C-alpha atoms as a PDB file:
ATOM      1  CA  UNK A   1     128.418 139.038 226.303  1.00  0.00           C
ATOM      2  CA  UNK A   2     132.115 138.193 225.943  1.00  0.00           C
ATOM      3  CA  UNK A   3     133.168 134.595 226.467  1.00  0.00           C
ATOM      4  CA  UNK A   4     136.513 133.227 227.524  1.00  0.00           C
ATOM      5  CA  UNK A   5     136.826 129.880 225.801  1.00  0.00           C
ATOM      6  CA  UNK A   6     139.003 126.924 226.641  1.00  0.00           C
ATOM      7  CA  UNK A   7     140.546 125.007 223.755  1.00  0.00           C
ATOM      8  CA  UNK A   8     137.931 122.276 224.217  1.00  0.00           C
ATOM      9  CA  UNK A   9     135.045 124.748 224.144  1.00  0.00           C
ATOM     10  CA  UNK A  10     136.489 126.369 221.029  1.00  0.00           C
ATOM     11  CA  UNK A  11     136.845 122.973 219.349  1.00  0.00           C
ATOM     12  CA  UNK A  12     133.263 122.126 220.314  1.00  0.00           C
ATOM     13  CA  UNK A  13     132.029 125.342 218.707  1.00  0.00           C
ATOM     14  CA  UNK A  14     134.045 124.865 215.528  1.00  0.00           C
ATOM     15  CA  UNK A  15     132.946 121.264 214.944  1.00  0.00           C
ATOM     16  CA  UNK A  16     129.310 122.130 215.578  1.00  0.00           C
ATOM     17  CA  UNK A  17     129.468 125.155 213.262  1.00  0.00           C
ATOM     18  CA  UNK A  18     131.046 123.013 210.535  1.00  0.00           C
ATOM     19  CA  UNK A  19     128.262 120.482 211.076  1.00  0.00           C
ATOM     20  CA  UNK A  20     125.612 123.181 210.540  1.00  0.00           C
ATOM     21  CA  UNK A  21     127.418 124.386 207.411  1.00  0.00           C
ATOM     22  CA  UNK A  22     127.782 120.851 206.062  1.00  0.00           C
ATOM     23  CA  UNK A  23     124.116 120.016 206.602  1.00  0.00           C
ATOM     24  CA  UNK A  24     123.058 123.271 204.919  1.00  0.00           C
ATOM     25  CA  UNK A  25     125.279 122.579 201.915  1.00  0.00           C
ATOM     26  CA  UNK A  26     123.994 119.016 201.643  1.00  0.00           C
ATOM     27  CA  UNK A  27     120.349 120.064 201.704  1.00  0.00           C
ATOM     28  CA  UNK A  28     120.882 123.089 199.482  1.00  0.00           C
ATOM     29  CA  UNK A  29     122.930 121.038 197.029  1.00  0.00           C
ATOM     30  CA  UNK A  30     120.304 118.339 196.613  1.00  0.00           C
ATOM     31  CA  UNK A  31     117.432 120.818 196.323  1.00  0.00           C
ATOM     32  CA  UNK A  32     119.386 122.846 193.771  1.00  0.00           C
ATOM     33  CA  UNK A  33     119.724 119.807 191.535  1.00  0.00           C
ATOM     34  CA  UNK A  34     115.954 120.062 191.089  1.00  0.00           C
ATOM     35  CA  UNK A  35     115.778 123.865 191.057  1.00  0.00           C
ATOM     36  CA  UNK A  36     118.472 124.028 188.349  1.00  0.00           C
ATOM     37  CA  UNK A  37     117.734 120.772 186.521  1.00  0.00           C
ATOM     38  CA  UNK A  38     116.963 122.635 183.302  1.00  0.00           C
ATOM     39  CA  UNK A  39     120.564 123.883 183.290  1.00  0.00           C
ATOM     40  CA  UNK A  40     122.459 120.668 182.796  1.00  0.00           C
ATOM     41  CA  UNK A  41     125.879 122.283 182.626  1.00  0.00           C
ATOM     42  CA  UNK A  42     125.658 123.115 186.331  1.00  0.00           C
ATOM     43  CA  UNK A  43     125.005 119.562 187.518  1.00  0.00           C
ATOM     44  CA  UNK A  44     128.676 118.618 187.911  1.00  0.00           C
ATOM     45  CA  UNK A  45     129.436 121.651 190.086  1.00  0.00           C
ATOM     46  CA  UNK A  46     126.296 121.129 192.174  1.00  0.00           C
ATOM     47  CA  UNK A  47     127.141 117.469 192.754  1.00  0.00           C
ATOM     48  CA  UNK A  48     130.664 118.390 193.897  1.00  0.00           C
ATOM     49  CA  UNK A  49     129.216 121.012 196.234  1.00  0.00           C
ATOM     50  CA  UNK A  50     126.675 118.623 197.757  1.00  0.00           C
ATOM     51  CA  UNK A  51     129.176 115.755 198.089  1.00  0.00           C
ATOM     52  CA  UNK A  52     131.757 117.963 199.775  1.00  0.00           C
ATOM     53  CA  UNK A  53     129.099 119.342 202.122  1.00  0.00           C
ATOM     54  CA  UNK A  54     127.721 115.969 203.218  1.00  0.00           C
ATOM     55  CA  UNK A  55     131.231 114.572 203.786  1.00  0.00           C
ATOM     56  CA  UNK A  56     132.028 117.686 205.821  1.00  0.00           C
ATOM     57  CA  UNK A  57     128.850 117.164 207.859  1.00  0.00           C
ATOM     58  CA  UNK A  58     129.618 113.492 208.584  1.00  0.00           C
ATOM     59  CA  UNK A  59     133.226 114.264 209.535  1.00  0.00           C
ATOM     60  CA  UNK A  60     132.134 117.167 211.743  1.00  0.00           C
ATOM     61  CA  UNK A  61     129.437 115.072 213.448  1.00  0.00           C
ATOM     62  CA  UNK A  62     132.010 112.489 214.532  1.00  0.00           C
ATOM     63  CA  UNK A  63     134.552 115.214 215.286  1.00  0.00           C
ATOM     64  CA  UNK A  64     132.054 116.969 217.550  1.00  0.00           C
ATOM     65  CA  UNK A  65     131.347 113.713 219.382  1.00  0.00           C
ATOM     66  CA  UNK A  66     134.993 112.923 220.045  1.00  0.00           C
ATOM     67  CA  UNK A  67     135.694 116.516 221.102  1.00  0.00           C
ATOM     68  CA  UNK A  68     132.904 116.122 223.664  1.00  0.00           C
ATOM     69  CA  UNK A  69     134.636 112.951 224.857  1.00  0.00           C
ATOM     70  CA  UNK A  70     137.999 114.706 225.085  1.00  0.00           C
ATOM     71  CA  UNK A  71     136.495 117.627 227.003  1.00  0.00           C
ATOM     72  CA  UNK A  72     135.572 115.268 229.838  1.00  0.00           C
ATOM     73  CA  UNK A  73     139.160 114.210 230.574  1.00  0.00           C
ATOM     74  CA  UNK A  74     141.014 117.240 229.137  1.00  0.00           C
ATOM     75  CA  UNK A  75     144.068 115.056 228.491  1.00  0.00           C
ATOM     76  CA  UNK A  76     144.811 115.990 224.909  1.00  0.00           C
ATOM     77  CA  UNK A  77     144.021 114.127 221.703  1.00  0.00           C
ATOM     78  CA  UNK A  78     144.468 110.696 223.317  1.00  0.00           C
ATOM     79  CA  UNK A  79     141.660 111.484 225.745  1.00  0.00           C
ATOM     80  CA  UNK A  80     139.232 111.879 222.835  1.00  0.00           C
ATOM     81  CA  UNK A  81     139.317 108.134 222.238  1.00  0.00           C
ATOM     82  CA  UNK A  82     139.340 106.850 225.838  1.00  0.00           C
ATOM     83  CA  UNK A  83     137.118 103.719 225.551  1.00  0.00           C
ATOM     84  CA  UNK A  84     135.255 104.080 228.853  1.00  0.00           C
ATOM     85  CA  UNK A  85     134.299 107.713 228.260  1.00  0.00           C
ATOM     86  CA  UNK A  86     133.406 106.986 224.605  1.00  0.00           C
ATOM     87  CA  UNK A  87     131.083 104.213 225.807  1.00  0.00           C
ATOM     88  CA  UNK A  88     129.434 106.423 228.443  1.00  0.00           C
ATOM     89  CA  UNK A  89     128.760 109.302 226.043  1.00  0.00           C
ATOM     90  CA  UNK A  90     127.729 106.959 223.210  1.00  0.00           C
ATOM     91  CA  UNK A  91     125.040 105.506 225.493  1.00  0.00           C
ATOM     92  CA  UNK A  92     123.816 108.971 226.462  1.00  0.00           C
ATOM     93  CA  UNK A  93     121.496 111.354 224.628  1.00  0.00           C
ATOM     94  CA  UNK A  94     124.543 112.730 222.772  1.00  0.00           C
ATOM     95  CA  UNK A  95     125.245 109.284 221.305  1.00  0.00           C
ATOM     96  CA  UNK A  96     121.614 108.745 220.351  1.00  0.00           C
ATOM     97  CA  UNK A  97     121.547 112.094 218.564  1.00  0.00           C
ATOM     98  CA  UNK A  98     124.773 111.248 216.733  1.00  0.00           C
ATOM     99  CA  UNK A  99     123.407 107.887 215.546  1.00  0.00           C
ATOM    100  CA  UNK A 100     120.216 109.431 214.125  1.00  0.00           C
ATOM    101  CA  UNK A 101     122.205 112.289 212.592  1.00  0.00           C
ATOM    102  CA  UNK A 102     124.717 110.031 210.884  1.00  0.00           C
ATOM    103  CA  UNK A 103     122.002 107.766 209.484  1.00  0.00           C
ATOM    104  CA  UNK A 104     120.306 110.836 208.009  1.00  0.00           C
ATOM    105  CA  UNK A 105     123.564 112.143 206.558  1.00  0.00           C
ATOM    106  CA  UNK A 106     124.383 108.726 205.094  1.00  0.00           C
ATOM    107  CA  UNK A 107     121.037 108.735 203.271  1.00  0.00           C
ATOM    108  CA  UNK A 108     121.982 112.104 201.788  1.00  0.00           C
ATOM    109  CA  UNK A 109     125.396 110.687 200.862  1.00  0.00           C
ATOM    110  CA  UNK A 110     123.844 107.638 199.160  1.00  0.00           C
ATOM    111  CA  UNK A 111     121.665 109.930 197.054  1.00  0.00           C
ATOM    112  CA  UNK A 112     124.691 112.003 196.023  1.00  0.00           C
ATOM    113  CA  UNK A 113     126.950 109.016 195.308  1.00  0.00           C
ATOM    114  CA  UNK A 114     124.221 107.401 193.194  1.00  0.00           C
ATOM    115  CA  UNK A 115     123.929 110.492 191.004  1.00  0.00           C
ATOM    116  CA  UNK A 116     127.693 111.005 190.894  1.00  0.00           C
ATOM    117  CA  UNK A 117     128.413 107.413 189.878  1.00  0.00           C
ATOM    118  CA  UNK A 118     125.674 107.356 187.254  1.00  0.00           C
ATOM    119  CA  UNK A 119     126.959 110.620 185.803  1.00  0.00           C
ATOM    120  CA  UNK A 120     130.526 109.265 185.672  1.00  0.00           C
ATOM    121  CA  UNK A 121     129.401 106.061 183.950  1.00  0.00           C
ATOM    122  CA  UNK A 122     127.217 107.771 181.353  1.00  0.00           C
ATOM    123  CA  UNK A 123     129.279 110.929 180.971  1.00  0.00           C
ATOM    124  CA  UNK A 124     126.094 112.965 180.608  1.00  0.00           C
ATOM    125  CA  UNK A 125     123.475 114.763 182.671  1.00  0.00           C
ATOM    126  CA  UNK A 126     121.471 112.497 184.993  1.00  0.00           C
ATOM    127  CA  UNK A 127     117.853 113.136 185.901  1.00  0.00           C
ATOM    128  CA  UNK A 128     117.537 113.394 189.721  1.00  0.00           C
ATOM    129  CA  UNK A 129     114.435 111.249 190.026  1.00  0.00           C
ATOM    130  CA  UNK A 130     111.971 110.383 192.780  1.00  0.00           C
ATOM    131  CA  UNK A 131     114.366 107.930 194.478  1.00  0.00           C
ATOM    132  CA  UNK A 132     116.957 110.661 195.088  1.00  0.00           C
ATOM    133  CA  UNK A 133     114.216 113.024 196.266  1.00  0.00           C
ATOM    134  CA  UNK A 134     112.929 110.532 198.855  1.00  0.00           C
ATOM    135  CA  UNK A 135     116.430 109.699 200.082  1.00  0.00           C
ATOM    136  CA  UNK A 136     117.105 113.403 200.439  1.00  0.00           C
ATOM    137  CA  UNK A 137     113.815 114.010 202.243  1.00  0.00           C
ATOM    138  CA  UNK A 138     114.258 111.228 204.803  1.00  0.00           C
ATOM    139  CA  UNK A 139     117.918 112.112 205.199  1.00  0.00           C
ATOM    140  CA  UNK A 140     117.038 115.712 205.992  1.00  0.00           C
ATOM    141  CA  UNK A 141     114.194 114.641 208.288  1.00  0.00           C
ATOM    142  CA  UNK A 142     116.432 112.344 210.350  1.00  0.00           C
ATOM    143  CA  UNK A 143     119.254 114.883 210.477  1.00  0.00           C
ATOM    144  CA  UNK A 144     116.935 117.647 211.691  1.00  0.00           C
ATOM    145  CA  UNK A 145     115.198 115.293 214.143  1.00  0.00           C
ATOM    146  CA  UNK A 146     118.554 114.425 215.726  1.00  0.00           C
ATOM    147  CA  UNK A 147     118.690 117.930 217.205  1.00  0.00           C
ATOM    148  CA  UNK A 148     115.601 117.156 219.291  1.00  0.00           C
ATOM    149  CA  UNK A 149     117.372 114.229 221.009  1.00  0.00           C
ATOM    150  CA  UNK A 150     119.871 116.309 222.997  1.00  0.00           C
ATOM    151  CA  UNK A 151     120.299 119.805 224.392  1.00  0.00           C
ATOM    152  CA  UNK A 152     117.533 122.296 225.222  1.00  0.00           C
ATOM    153  CA  UNK A 153     114.925 120.530 223.061  1.00  0.00           C
ATOM    154  CA  UNK A 154     114.859 117.259 225.024  1.00  0.00           C
ATOM    155  CA  UNK A 155     112.670 118.591 227.830  1.00  0.00           C
ATOM    156  CA  UNK A 156     110.315 120.463 225.502  1.00  0.00           C
ATOM    157  CA  UNK A 157     106.921 119.393 224.127  1.00  0.00           C
ATOM    158  CA  UNK A 158     106.455 117.508 220.888  1.00  0.00           C
ATOM    159  CA  UNK A 159     105.070 120.700 219.313  1.00  0.00           C
ATOM    160  CA  UNK A 160     108.327 122.506 220.137  1.00  0.00           C
ATOM    161  CA  UNK A 161     110.326 119.646 218.665  1.00  0.00           C
ATOM    162  CA  UNK A 162     108.222 119.564 215.492  1.00  0.00           C
ATOM    163  CA  UNK A 163     108.624 123.322 215.005  1.00  0.00           C
ATOM    164  CA  UNK A 164     112.367 122.931 215.607  1.00  0.00           C
ATOM    165  CA  UNK A 165     112.619 120.291 212.871  1.00  0.00           C
ATOM    166  CA  UNK A 166     110.767 122.556 210.422  1.00  0.00           C
ATOM    167  CA  UNK A 167     112.899 125.554 211.426  1.00  0.00           C
ATOM    168  CA  UNK A 168     116.198 123.692 211.024  1.00  0.00           C
ATOM    169  CA  UNK A 169     115.169 122.092 207.730  1.00  0.00           C
ATOM    170  CA  UNK A 170     114.040 125.322 206.071  1.00  0.00           C
ATOM    171  CA  UNK A 171     117.030 127.265 207.410  1.00  0.00           C
ATOM    172  CA  UNK A 172     119.399 124.634 206.001  1.00  0.00           C
ATOM    173  CA  UNK A 173     117.610 124.825 202.645  1.00  0.00           C
ATOM    174  CA  UNK A 174     117.803 128.636 202.589  1.00  0.00           C
ATOM    175  CA  UNK A 175     121.460 128.900 203.599  1.00  0.00           C
ATOM    176  CA  UNK A 176     122.557 125.927 201.505  1.00  0.00           C
ATOM    177  CA  UNK A 177     120.967 127.256 198.318  1.00  0.00           C
ATOM    178  CA  UNK A 178     122.842 130.575 198.351  1.00  0.00           C
ATOM    179  CA  UNK A 179     125.975 129.188 196.688  1.00  0.00           C
ATOM    180  CA  UNK A 180     124.022 127.449 193.875  1.00  0.00           C
ATOM    181  CA  UNK A 181     122.172 130.726 193.273  1.00  0.00           C
ATOM    182  CA  UNK A 182     125.485 132.584 193.116  1.00  0.00           C
ATOM    183  CA  UNK A 183     126.717 129.915 190.686  1.00  0.00           C
ATOM    184  CA  UNK A 184     123.642 130.437 188.529  1.00  0.00           C
ATOM    185  CA  UNK A 185     124.325 134.179 188.403  1.00  0.00           C
ATOM    186  CA  UNK A 186     127.973 133.510 187.577  1.00  0.00           C
ATOM    187  CA  UNK A 187     127.499 130.966 184.775  1.00  0.00           C
ATOM    188  CA  UNK A 188     124.084 131.560 183.250  1.00  0.00           C
ATOM    189  CA  UNK A 189     122.856 134.299 180.968  1.00  0.00           C
ATOM    190  CA  UNK A 190     120.923 137.083 182.683  1.00  0.00           C
ATOM    191  CA  UNK A 191     117.521 135.874 181.455  1.00  0.00           C
ATOM    192  CA  UNK A 192     118.218 132.312 182.632  1.00  0.00           C
ATOM    193  CA  UNK A 193     119.549 133.521 185.994  1.00  0.00           C
ATOM    194  CA  UNK A 194     116.440 135.675 186.420  1.00  0.00           C
ATOM    195  CA  UNK A 195     114.173 132.662 185.792  1.00  0.00           C
ATOM    196  CA  UNK A 196     116.066 130.591 188.402  1.00  0.00           C
ATOM    197  CA  UNK A 197     116.063 133.324 191.046  1.00  0.00           C
ATOM    198  CA  UNK A 198     112.431 134.201 190.374  1.00  0.00           C
ATOM    199  CA  UNK A 199     111.444 130.568 190.890  1.00  0.00           C
ATOM    200  CA  UNK A 200     113.535 130.372 194.062  1.00  0.00           C
ATOM    201  CA  UNK A 201     111.879 133.541 195.324  1.00  0.00           C
ATOM    202  CA  UNK A 202     108.433 131.988 194.974  1.00  0.00           C
ATOM    203  CA  UNK A 203     109.431 129.173 197.337  1.00  0.00           C
ATOM    204  CA  UNK A 204     111.483 131.433 199.587  1.00  0.00           C
ATOM    205  CA  UNK A 205     108.601 133.772 200.474  1.00  0.00           C
ATOM    206  CA  UNK A 206     106.756 130.983 202.273  1.00  0.00           C
ATOM    207  CA  UNK A 207     109.908 129.308 203.605  1.00  0.00           C
ATOM    208  CA  UNK A 208     111.382 132.484 205.085  1.00  0.00           C
ATOM    209  CA  UNK A 209     108.063 133.402 206.710  1.00  0.00           C
ATOM    210  CA  UNK A 210     107.934 129.961 208.348  1.00  0.00           C
ATOM    211  CA  UNK A 211     111.585 130.248 209.453  1.00  0.00           C
ATOM    212  CA  UNK A 212     110.921 133.583 211.169  1.00  0.00           C
ATOM    213  CA  UNK A 213     107.664 132.504 212.809  1.00  0.00           C
ATOM    214  CA  UNK A 214     109.206 129.230 213.977  1.00  0.00           C
ATOM    215  CA  UNK A 215     112.242 131.079 215.343  1.00  0.00           C
ATOM    216  CA  UNK A 216     110.056 133.474 217.327  1.00  0.00           C
ATOM    217  CA  UNK A 217     108.024 130.578 218.714  1.00  0.00           C
ATOM    218  CA  UNK A 218     111.127 128.615 219.738  1.00  0.00           C
ATOM    219  CA  UNK A 219     112.800 131.578 221.390  1.00  0.00           C
ATOM    220  CA  UNK A 220     109.646 132.424 223.336  1.00  0.00           C
ATOM    221  CA  UNK A 221     109.247 128.852 224.534  1.00  0.00           C
ATOM    222  CA  UNK A 222     112.845 128.818 225.780  1.00  0.00           C
ATOM    223  CA  UNK A 223     112.966 132.248 227.384  1.00  0.00           C
ATOM    224  CA  UNK A 224     109.428 133.699 227.576  1.00  0.00           C
ATOM    225  CA  UNK A 225     111.436 136.725 226.324  1.00  0.00           C
ATOM    226  CA  UNK A 226     112.548 137.471 229.875  1.00  0.00           C
ATOM    227  CA  UNK A 227     116.019 138.759 230.784  1.00  0.00           C
ATOM    228  CA  UNK A 228     116.837 139.480 227.165  1.00  0.00           C
ATOM    229  CA  UNK A 229     119.029 142.455 228.063  1.00  0.00           C
ATOM    230  CA  UNK A 230     120.470 141.081 231.298  1.00  0.00           C
ATOM    231  CA  UNK A 231     121.620 137.585 230.347  1.00  0.00           C
ATOM    232  CA  UNK A 232     124.240 136.296 227.934  1.00  0.00           C
ATOM    233  CA  UNK A 233     121.637 134.118 226.238  1.00  0.00           C
ATOM    234  CA  UNK A 234     119.327 137.086 225.717  1.00  0.00           C
ATOM    235  CA  UNK A 235     122.069 139.309 224.290  1.00  0.00           C
ATOM    236  CA  UNK A 236     123.196 136.622 221.869  1.00  0.00           C
ATOM    237  CA  UNK A 237     119.553 136.076 220.904  1.00  0.00           C
ATOM    238  CA  UNK A 238     119.084 139.788 220.188  1.00  0.00           C
ATOM    239  CA  UNK A 239     122.265 139.815 218.087  1.00  0.00           C
ATOM    240  CA  UNK A 240     120.940 136.834 216.147  1.00  0.00           C
ATOM    241  CA  UNK A 241     117.649 138.647 215.583  1.00  0.00           C
ATOM    242  CA  UNK A 242     119.488 141.703 214.213  1.00  0.00           C
ATOM    243  CA  UNK A 243     121.383 139.491 211.757  1.00  0.00           C
ATOM    244  CA  UNK A 244     118.137 137.796 210.724  1.00  0.00           C
ATOM    245  CA  UNK A 245     116.584 141.219 210.055  1.00  0.00           C
ATOM    246  CA  UNK A 246     119.598 142.108 207.891  1.00  0.00           C
ATOM    247  CA  UNK A 247     119.156 138.830 206.047  1.00  0.00           C
ATOM    248  CA  UNK A 248     115.472 139.563 205.455  1.00  0.00           C
ATOM    249  CA  UNK A 249     116.398 143.006 204.171  1.00  0.00           C
ATOM    250  CA  UNK A 250     118.818 141.494 201.660  1.00  0.00           C
ATOM    251  CA  UNK A 251     116.253 138.897 200.623  1.00  0.00           C
ATOM    252  CA  UNK A 252     113.730 141.697 199.974  1.00  0.00           C
ATOM    253  CA  UNK A 253     116.363 143.653 198.016  1.00  0.00           C
ATOM    254  CA  UNK A 254     116.991 140.594 195.851  1.00  0.00           C
ATOM    255  CA  UNK A 255     113.326 139.872 195.186  1.00  0.00           C
ATOM    256  CA  UNK A 256     112.104 143.391 194.475  1.00  0.00           C
ATOM    257  CA  UNK A 257     115.166 145.147 193.033  1.00  0.00           C
ATOM    258  CA  UNK A 258     118.171 143.091 191.963  1.00  0.00           C
ATOM    259  CA  UNK A 259     116.404 140.064 190.449  1.00  0.00           C
ATOM    260  CA  UNK A 260     113.925 142.103 188.335  1.00  0.00           C
ATOM    261  CA  UNK A 261     116.875 144.233 187.188  1.00  0.00           C
ATOM    262  CA  UNK A 262     118.392 141.143 185.528  1.00  0.00           C
ATOM    263  CA  UNK A 263     115.697 141.331 182.853  1.00  0.00           C
ATOM    264  CA  UNK A 264     117.011 144.709 181.716  1.00  0.00           C
ATOM    265  CA  UNK A 265     120.713 144.348 182.489  1.00  0.00           C
ATOM    266  CA  UNK A 266     123.426 141.906 181.464  1.00  0.00           C
ATOM    267  CA  UNK A 267     125.379 142.574 184.661  1.00  0.00           C
ATOM    268  CA  UNK A 268     124.750 140.265 187.630  1.00  0.00           C
ATOM    269  CA  UNK A 269     127.810 141.437 189.603  1.00  0.00           C
ATOM    270  CA  UNK A 270     125.806 143.378 192.190  1.00  0.00           C
ATOM    271  CA  UNK A 271     123.512 140.435 192.804  1.00  0.00           C
ATOM    272  CA  UNK A 272     126.479 138.068 193.168  1.00  0.00           C
ATOM    273  CA  UNK A 273     128.068 140.374 195.737  1.00  0.00           C
ATOM    274  CA  UNK A 274     124.787 140.609 197.613  1.00  0.00           C
ATOM    275  CA  UNK A 275     124.434 136.818 197.679  1.00  0.00           C
ATOM    276  CA  UNK A 276     127.949 136.519 199.131  1.00  0.00           C
ATOM    277  CA  UNK A 277     127.080 139.067 201.818  1.00  0.00           C
ATOM    278  CA  UNK A 278     123.923 137.085 202.574  1.00  0.00           C
ATOM    279  CA  UNK A 279     126.023 133.941 202.933  1.00  0.00           C
ATOM    280  CA  UNK A 280     128.429 135.668 205.356  1.00  0.00           C
ATOM    281  CA  UNK A 281     125.497 136.882 207.456  1.00  0.00           C
ATOM    282  CA  UNK A 282     124.096 133.352 207.424  1.00  0.00           C
ATOM    283  CA  UNK A 283     127.470 132.068 208.643  1.00  0.00           C
ATOM    284  CA  UNK A 284     127.277 134.611 211.472  1.00  0.00           C
ATOM    285  CA  UNK A 285     123.791 133.413 212.410  1.00  0.00           C
ATOM    286  CA  UNK A 286     125.034 129.826 212.510  1.00  0.00           C
ATOM    287  CA  UNK A 287     127.931 130.992 214.723  1.00  0.00           C
ATOM    288  CA  UNK A 288     125.558 132.556 217.249  1.00  0.00           C
ATOM    289  CA  UNK A 289     123.265 129.520 217.088  1.00  0.00           C
ATOM    290  CA  UNK A 290     126.290 127.356 217.867  1.00  0.00           C
ATOM    291  CA  UNK A 291     127.053 129.425 220.970  1.00  0.00           C
ATOM    292  CA  UNK A 292     123.412 129.362 222.091  1.00  0.00           C
ATOM    293  CA  UNK A 293     123.109 125.584 221.717  1.00  0.00           C
ATOM    294  CA  UNK A 294     126.546 124.698 223.104  1.00  0.00           C
ATOM    295  CA  UNK A 295     127.774 127.167 225.721  1.00  0.00           C
ATOM    296  CA  UNK A 296     124.947 129.426 226.852  1.00  0.00           C
ATOM    297  CA  UNK A 297     121.718 128.191 228.418  1.00  0.00           C
ATOM    298  CA  UNK A 298     118.384 130.067 228.240  1.00  0.00           C
ATOM    299  CA  UNK A 299     117.432 132.159 231.261  1.00  0.00           C
ATOM    300  CA  UNK A 300     113.733 132.017 232.138  1.00  0.00           C
END
């Protein structure tokens, strides 16, 4: 399963991983503004988190594109901006995906900048209303849809592409909300943190179930679950599944043990550590997803 990477392949992986992380933070940040809206003291930190994430995503999206350009010529940094190659790739499926992705990310950015500016002007908490919610929704929808315009998904059915959009959207929400939940545990009283995490858990039960079912469907459509132990794609897929199972185990530990314990304990340190571990596992899952979507093709 080992891979020997060129500098261009490594750069491609890094920019795509940063893109995944940025999108997750953007989605999780916006959703957390609603999840934690009763706790106004957290709004400033959540806005900074979401703004940083969406700017990271936009930068990484363009960075990934120009790395793809540079990989064609392999002539150093100058080759990343060679006009003829830029034009060719821009007019390909990669360029179409980038355009849709950036439009979606810009909608998310507009929503964040609107709230940030209004907060700076008033100096107080700002209600994230329906306009921000719709901008966030369409921004997420376009960003997730962009992944159906290139790569393995292009040749698949519309049902596959729809499931992929749902899978990517819910995964981004799940991973992107982990830091705001950690922040809630860090800054809020135990009873308040319990209320936030309990509410999150109610949404997460359905969301996580859909993520898992969608993931199984997508993997079966791509591989028919053949050659799982004899191909690089299959071995990476199995590793990803193991990490997902670990993530589900932590999620169950949170819901049934650590979160209820907050009602009887003033110490959220164990839960904060567990959330950080969950975030690291999520980063590992995104790393494997990056390899699967960039370097390794499915074997049928």
